[in-house]
């Protein structure tokens, strides 16, 4: 979505590097729904 300009790249990188996506996932998702994420491939 960043490549198609649907998301701001800087904001997306902040979302990943801050870990906020993981905090949200741990609070609202079941453990079996969580996937390992290699953010270095995304930023």
Protein backbone atom coordinates (compact mmCIF):
# COMPACT_ATOMS: atom_id res chain seq x y z
CA UNK A 1 0.00 0.00 0.00
CA UNK A 2 2.97 2.30 0.55
CA UNK A 3 4.18 1.59 -2.99
CA UNK A 4 0.76 2.60 -4.34
CA UNK A 5 0.70 5.77 -2.18
CA UNK A 6 -2.24 4.57 -0.10
CA UNK A 7 -0.14 4.89 3.08
CA UNK A 8 2.49 7.44 4.03
CA UNK A 9 5.89 5.72 4.07
CA UNK A 10 7.22 7.57 7.13
CA UNK A 11 4.10 6.84 9.13
CA UNK A 12 4.17 3.17 8.11
CA UNK A 13 7.82 2.86 9.17
CA UNK A 14 7.02 4.49 12.52
CA UNK A 15 4.11 2.07 12.99
CA UNK A 16 6.50 -0.86 12.46
CA UNK A 17 9.59 0.37 14.30
CA UNK A 18 7.63 1.55 17.34
CA UNK A 19 6.09 -1.90 17.78
CA UNK A 20 2.58 -0.49 18.10
CA UNK A 21 1.28 -3.12 15.66
CA UNK A 22 2.55 -5.86 17.99
CA UNK A 23 1.09 -4.28 21.12
CA UNK A 24 -2.28 -4.05 19.39
CA UNK A 25 -2.06 -7.65 18.16
CA UNK A 26 -1.15 -9.03 21.58
CA UNK A 27 -4.04 -7.19 23.21
CA UNK A 28 -6.79 -7.93 20.68
CA UNK A 29 -5.80 -11.16 18.93
CA UNK A 30 -5.39 -14.76 19.99
CA UNK A 31 -1.85 -16.11 20.23
CA UNK A 32 -2.48 -18.51 17.35
CA UNK A 33 -3.38 -15.55 15.12
CA UNK A 34 -0.01 -13.84 15.59
CA UNK A 35 2.65 -14.20 12.93
CA UNK A 36 6.35 -13.45 13.11
CA UNK A 37 7.06 -10.21 11.25
CA UNK A 38 10.47 -9.31 9.85
CA UNK A 39 10.09 -5.55 9.62
CA UNK A 40 13.45 -5.19 7.86
CA UNK A 41 11.76 -6.61 4.75
CA UNK A 42 9.02 -4.00 4.96
CA UNK A 43 10.98 -0.81 5.56
